[in-house]
Amino acid sequence: MATTNYTLRIDETDKQRAEYVFKELGMTFATGINIYLKMVGNQKRIPFELALDKQRAFSSIDEKIARDEKEKAFVALNGILAGHEIDLDKEREERVLSST
């Protein structure tokens, strides 16, 4: 089977959400995309629905994305405040420990 490389632009949030679902279904992002393309070609339509429990899946994905965004904000702020008295790494560790 011959393969080809293809580069495309994907919204970061959409990619993260898809990666999460593919991972929960036990596959990589590339495998999920390849399955989709094969089904489109075979059925000549948008072909299928692979779904987790929607309530669980989307709340988990959205929570993970929100945590990742907060983490990015902490890293950015820590860089800005480097050399000041506030240690955001310590603050973040304390928040993580208190939320578990």
N, C-alpha and C. Protein backbone atom coordinates (compact mmCIF):
# COMPACT_ATOMS: atom_id res chain seq x y z
N MET A 1 0.85 -1.18 0.00
CA MET A 1 0.00 0.00 0.00
C MET A 1 0.89 1.24 0.00
N ALA A 2 0.72 2.07 -0.98
CA ALA A 2 1.47 3.32 -1.05
C ALA A 2 0.84 4.32 -0.08
N THR A 3 1.68 5.11 0.55
CA THR A 3 1.18 6.15 1.45
C THR A 3 1.63 7.51 0.95
N THR A 4 0.98 8.53 1.43
CA THR A 4 1.35 9.90 1.10
C THR A 4 1.26 10.75 2.35
N ASN A 5 2.07 11.77 2.40
CA ASN A 5 2.00 12.72 3.50
C ASN A 5 1.13 13.88 3.06
N TYR A 6 0.35 14.40 3.99
CA TYR A 6 -0.52 15.53 3.70
C TYR A 6 -0.53 16.44 4.91
N THR A 7 -0.34 17.71 4.68
CA THR A 7 -0.36 18.69 5.76
C THR A 7 -1.65 19.48 5.68
N LEU A 8 -2.32 19.63 6.81
CA LEU A 8 -3.52 20.44 6.84
C LEU A 8 -3.58 21.26 8.11
N ARG A 9 -4.33 22.31 8.05
CA ARG A 9 -4.51 23.17 9.22
C ARG A 9 -5.79 22.76 9.95
N ILE A 10 -5.64 22.59 11.26
CA ILE A 10 -6.76 22.14 12.08
C ILE A 10 -6.85 23.07 13.28
N ASP A 11 -8.05 23.45 13.64
CA ASP A 11 -8.26 24.23 14.86
C ASP A 11 -7.70 23.44 16.03
N GLU A 12 -6.88 24.07 16.87
CA GLU A 12 -6.21 23.39 17.97
C GLU A 12 -7.20 22.72 18.93
N THR A 13 -8.27 23.40 19.26
CA THR A 13 -9.26 22.83 20.17
C THR A 13 -9.93 21.61 19.55
N ASP A 14 -10.29 21.70 18.27
CA ASP A 14 -10.90 20.55 17.58
C ASP A 14 -9.94 19.36 17.57
N LYS A 15 -8.66 19.63 17.32
CA LYS A 15 -7.65 18.57 17.29
C LYS A 15 -7.53 17.91 18.66
N GLN A 16 -7.48 18.72 19.71
CA GLN A 16 -7.36 18.18 21.06
C GLN A 16 -8.57 17.31 21.41
N ARG A 17 -9.74 17.79 21.04
CA ARG A 17 -10.96 17.02 21.34
C ARG A 17 -10.96 15.69 20.58
N ALA A 18 -10.57 15.73 19.30
CA ALA A 18 -10.52 14.50 18.50
C ALA A 18 -9.47 13.54 19.04
N GLU A 19 -8.29 14.06 19.38
CA GLU A 19 -7.23 13.21 19.94
C GLU A 19 -7.71 12.52 21.22
N TYR A 20 -8.42 13.24 22.05
CA TYR A 20 -8.93 12.67 23.30
C TYR A 20 -9.87 11.50 22.99
N VAL A 21 -10.80 11.71 22.06
CA VAL A 21 -11.77 10.66 21.72
C VAL A 21 -11.05 9.45 21.12
N PHE A 22 -10.16 9.70 20.15
CA PHE A 22 -9.42 8.59 19.54
C PHE A 22 -8.66 7.80 20.61
N LYS A 23 -8.02 8.51 21.52
CA LYS A 23 -7.26 7.84 22.59
C LYS A 23 -8.19 6.98 23.45
N GLU A 24 -9.34 7.51 23.81
CA GLU A 24 -10.31 6.75 24.61
C GLU A 24 -10.81 5.53 23.86
N LEU A 25 -10.84 5.60 22.53
CA LEU A 25 -11.26 4.47 21.70
C LEU A 25 -10.09 3.53 21.39
N GLY A 26 -8.89 3.86 21.89
CA GLY A 26 -7.74 2.98 21.75
C GLY A 26 -6.96 3.13 20.46
N MET A 27 -7.00 4.33 19.87
CA MET A 27 -6.27 4.52 18.61
C MET A 27 -5.56 5.86 18.60
N THR A 28 -4.63 5.99 17.66
CA THR A 28 -3.92 7.25 17.50
C THR A 28 -4.75 8.20 16.65
N PHE A 29 -4.33 9.45 16.63
CA PHE A 29 -4.99 10.46 15.80
C PHE A 29 -4.90 10.04 14.33
N ALA A 30 -3.73 9.61 13.87
CA ALA A 30 -3.54 9.21 12.47
C ALA A 30 -4.44 8.03 12.11
N THR A 31 -4.56 7.05 13.00
CA THR A 31 -5.43 5.91 12.74
C THR A 31 -6.88 6.35 12.62
N GLY A 32 -7.31 7.23 13.51
CA GLY A 32 -8.68 7.74 13.45
C GLY A 32 -8.97 8.45 12.14
N ILE A 33 -8.05 9.28 11.70
CA ILE A 33 -8.23 10.00 10.43
C ILE A 33 -8.24 9.02 9.26
N ASN A 34 -7.33 8.03 9.27
CA ASN A 34 -7.31 7.04 8.20
C ASN A 34 -8.59 6.23 8.13
N ILE A 35 -9.14 5.85 9.27
CA ILE A 35 -10.42 5.13 9.30
C ILE A 35 -11.51 6.00 8.67
N TYR A 36 -11.53 7.25 9.07
CA TYR A 36 -12.53 8.17 8.53
C TYR A 36 -12.42 8.27 7.00
N LEU A 37 -11.22 8.46 6.48
CA LEU A 37 -11.02 8.60 5.04
C LEU A 37 -11.41 7.33 4.28
N LYS A 38 -11.06 6.16 4.83
CA LYS A 38 -11.45 4.90 4.19
C LYS A 38 -12.97 4.77 4.12
N MET A 39 -13.64 5.11 5.21
CA MET A 39 -15.10 5.00 5.24
C MET A 39 -15.76 5.99 4.28
N VAL A 40 -15.25 7.20 4.20
CA VAL A 40 -15.78 8.18 3.25
C VAL A 40 -15.66 7.62 1.83
N GLY A 41 -14.49 7.09 1.49
CA GLY A 41 -14.28 6.52 0.16
C GLY A 41 -15.16 5.33 -0.11
N ASN A 42 -15.31 4.45 0.85
CA ASN A 42 -16.13 3.25 0.65
C ASN A 42 -17.62 3.55 0.57
N GLN A 43 -18.11 4.44 1.42
CA GLN A 43 -19.55 4.68 1.51
C GLN A 43 -20.01 5.89 0.70
N LYS A 44 -19.06 6.69 0.24
CA LYS A 44 -19.37 7.89 -0.56
C LYS A 44 -20.28 8.86 0.21
N ARG A 45 -20.03 8.95 1.51
CA ARG A 45 -20.78 9.87 2.39
C ARG A 45 -20.02 10.04 3.69
N ILE A 46 -20.45 10.99 4.51
CA ILE A 46 -19.93 11.07 5.88
C ILE A 46 -20.50 9.84 6.57
N PRO A 47 -19.66 8.92 7.01
CA PRO A 47 -20.10 7.55 7.17
C PRO A 47 -20.58 7.04 8.52
N PHE A 48 -20.13 7.59 9.61
CA PHE A 48 -20.35 6.87 10.85
C PHE A 48 -20.26 7.76 12.07
N GLU A 49 -20.62 7.16 13.18
CA GLU A 49 -20.45 7.84 14.47
C GLU A 49 -19.77 6.88 15.41
N LEU A 50 -18.60 7.25 15.88
CA LEU A 50 -17.94 6.56 16.98
C LEU A 50 -18.12 7.47 18.17
N ALA A 51 -18.74 7.01 19.22
CA ALA A 51 -19.05 7.93 20.30
C ALA A 51 -18.78 7.30 21.66
N LEU A 52 -18.30 8.13 22.53
CA LEU A 52 -18.24 7.80 23.94
C LEU A 52 -19.56 8.26 24.53
N ASP A 53 -19.80 7.94 25.77
CA ASP A 53 -20.95 8.51 26.45
C ASP A 53 -20.80 10.02 26.35
N LYS A 54 -21.70 10.70 25.63
CA LYS A 54 -21.51 12.12 25.33
C LYS A 54 -21.37 12.98 26.58
N GLN A 55 -22.15 12.73 27.59
CA GLN A 55 -22.06 13.54 28.81
C GLN A 55 -20.67 13.42 29.41
N ARG A 56 -20.17 12.19 29.56
CA ARG A 56 -18.84 11.97 30.14
C ARG A 56 -17.74 12.51 29.25
N ALA A 57 -17.85 12.21 27.96
CA ALA A 57 -16.78 12.57 27.04
C ALA A 57 -16.59 14.07 26.95
N PHE A 58 -17.65 14.81 26.72
CA PHE A 58 -17.48 16.23 26.49
C PHE A 58 -17.17 16.98 27.77
N SER A 59 -17.69 16.54 28.90
CA SER A 59 -17.30 17.22 30.12
C SER A 59 -15.83 16.95 30.42
N SER A 60 -15.35 15.73 30.18
CA SER A 60 -13.94 15.41 30.42
C SER A 60 -13.03 16.18 29.48
N ILE A 61 -13.39 16.25 28.20
CA ILE A 61 -12.58 16.97 27.22
C ILE A 61 -12.51 18.44 27.60
N ASP A 62 -13.67 19.03 27.87
CA ASP A 62 -13.70 20.45 28.19
C ASP A 62 -12.93 20.75 29.47
N GLU A 63 -13.03 19.85 30.47
CA GLU A 63 -12.27 20.03 31.70
C GLU A 63 -10.77 19.96 31.43
N LYS A 64 -10.33 19.01 30.60
CA LYS A 64 -8.91 18.88 30.27
C LYS A 64 -8.42 20.13 29.54
N ILE A 65 -9.18 20.60 28.57
CA ILE A 65 -8.79 21.80 27.83
C ILE A 65 -8.70 22.99 28.77
N ALA A 66 -9.66 23.13 29.68
CA ALA A 66 -9.64 24.24 30.63
C ALA A 66 -8.40 24.14 31.53
N ARG A 67 -8.07 22.93 32.00
CA ARG A 67 -6.87 22.75 32.83
C ARG A 67 -5.61 23.11 32.05
N ASP A 68 -5.55 22.68 30.78
CA ASP A 68 -4.39 22.99 29.94
C ASP A 68 -4.24 24.49 29.75
N GLU A 69 -5.35 25.18 29.53
CA GLU A 69 -5.30 26.64 29.35
C GLU A 69 -4.85 27.33 30.63
N LYS A 70 -5.30 26.86 31.78
CA LYS A 70 -4.86 27.44 33.05
C LYS A 70 -3.37 27.20 33.24
N GLU A 71 -2.90 26.00 32.87
CA GLU A 71 -1.48 25.69 32.98
C GLU A 71 -0.65 26.63 32.11
N LYS A 72 -1.09 26.88 30.89
CA LYS A 72 -0.38 27.80 30.00
C LYS A 72 -0.33 29.20 30.62
N ALA A 73 -1.43 29.62 31.23
CA ALA A 73 -1.48 30.94 31.86
C ALA A 73 -0.49 31.02 33.02
N PHE A 74 -0.40 29.96 33.84
CA PHE A 74 0.56 29.93 34.95
C PHE A 74 1.98 30.03 34.43
N VAL A 75 2.29 29.28 33.37
CA VAL A 75 3.65 29.30 32.81
C VAL A 75 3.98 30.70 32.29
N ALA A 76 3.03 31.33 31.60
CA ALA A 76 3.25 32.68 31.07
C ALA A 76 3.45 33.68 32.20
N LEU A 77 2.61 33.62 33.20
CA LEU A 77 2.72 34.54 34.34
C LEU A 77 4.02 34.31 35.10
N ASN A 78 4.40 33.06 35.25
CA ASN A 78 5.64 32.76 35.96
C ASN A 78 6.83 33.38 35.23
N GLY A 79 6.80 33.35 33.89
CA GLY A 79 7.86 33.98 33.11
C GLY A 79 7.87 35.48 33.29
N ILE A 80 6.70 36.07 33.31
CA ILE A 80 6.60 37.53 33.47
C ILE A 80 7.08 37.96 34.86
N LEU A 81 6.74 37.17 35.86
CA LEU A 81 7.05 37.53 37.24
C LEU A 81 8.38 36.95 37.74
N ALA A 82 9.17 36.37 36.84
CA ALA A 82 10.45 35.78 37.24
C ALA A 82 11.27 36.82 38.00
N GLY A 83 11.82 36.41 39.12
CA GLY A 83 12.64 37.30 39.92
C GLY A 83 11.84 38.07 40.96
N HIS A 84 10.53 37.98 40.93
CA HIS A 84 9.71 38.65 41.94
C HIS A 84 9.44 37.67 43.08
N GLU A 85 8.79 38.15 44.10
CA GLU A 85 8.58 37.32 45.29
C GLU A 85 7.56 36.22 45.09
N ILE A 86 6.68 36.34 44.10
CA ILE A 86 5.62 35.35 43.90
C ILE A 86 6.19 34.16 43.15
N ASP A 87 5.97 32.97 43.69
CA ASP A 87 6.41 31.73 43.03
C ASP A 87 5.16 31.00 42.55
N LEU A 88 4.84 31.18 41.26
CA LEU A 88 3.61 30.59 40.74
C LEU A 88 3.70 29.07 40.65
N ASP A 89 4.90 28.51 40.50
CA ASP A 89 5.02 27.06 40.50
C ASP A 89 4.56 26.49 41.83
N LYS A 90 4.97 27.14 42.91
CA LYS A 90 4.56 26.69 44.25
C LYS A 90 3.06 26.89 44.42
N GLU A 91 2.53 28.03 43.95
CA GLU A 91 1.10 28.29 44.02
C GLU A 91 0.32 27.21 43.28
N ARG A 92 0.78 26.86 42.08
CA ARG A 92 0.10 25.85 41.27
C ARG A 92 0.13 24.50 41.96
N GLU A 93 1.28 24.10 42.51
CA GLU A 93 1.38 22.83 43.22
C GLU A 93 0.41 22.79 44.39
N GLU A 94 0.31 23.89 45.11
CA GLU A 94 -0.62 23.93 46.25
C GLU A 94 -2.06 23.79 45.79
N ARG A 95 -2.40 24.43 44.65
CA ARG A 95 -3.77 24.31 44.13
C ARG A 95 -4.06 22.90 43.67
N VAL A 96 -3.10 22.26 42.99
CA VAL A 96 -3.29 20.89 42.53
C VAL A 96 -3.50 19.97 43.71
N LEU A 97 -2.64 20.13 44.74
CA LEU A 97 -2.76 19.27 45.92
C LEU A 97 -4.07 19.50 46.65
N SER A 98 -4.54 20.73 46.71
CA SER A 98 -5.77 21.01 47.42
C SER A 98 -7.01 20.57 46.63
N SER A 99 -6.89 20.43 45.29
CA SER A 99 -8.05 20.03 44.49
C SER A 99 -8.20 18.52 44.39
N THR A 100 -7.20 17.76 44.85
CA THR A 100 -7.30 16.31 44.75
C THR A 100 -7.84 15.68 46.00
